[in-house]
Protein backbone atom coordinates (compact mmCIF):
# COMPACT_ATOMS: atom_id res chain seq x y z
CA LYS A 1 -9.40 25.87 -69.61
CA SER A 2 -12.75 25.33 -67.80
CA THR A 3 -14.72 25.53 -70.99
CA THR A 4 -12.90 23.48 -72.79
CA THR A 5 -12.78 20.65 -69.76
CA GLY A 6 -16.53 21.06 -69.93
CA HIS A 7 -16.90 20.44 -73.60
CA LEU A 8 -14.64 17.39 -73.81
CA ILE A 9 -16.25 16.05 -70.62
CA TYR A 10 -19.67 16.73 -72.94
CA GLN A 11 -18.45 14.78 -76.20
CA CYS A 12 -17.61 11.86 -73.72
CA GLY A 13 -20.77 11.01 -72.16
CA GLY A 14 -23.09 14.14 -73.24
CA ILE A 15 -23.56 15.15 -69.61
CA ASP A 16 -26.04 17.67 -68.65
CA LYS A 17 -25.88 21.80 -69.24
CA ARG A 18 -25.91 22.16 -65.49
CA THR A 19 -23.14 19.93 -64.69
CA ILE A 20 -20.85 21.91 -67.33
CA GLU A 21 -21.91 24.96 -65.86
CA LYS A 22 -20.37 23.65 -62.63
CA PHE A 23 -17.30 22.81 -63.83
CA GLU A 24 -17.12 25.92 -64.99
CA LYS A 25 -17.95 27.93 -62.16
């Protein structure tokens, strides 16, 4: 779930990878 959410956010706004890592954790 966390990974999917991170990818969705990345596609929507393109957040930095560190932000995605925070969501994954």
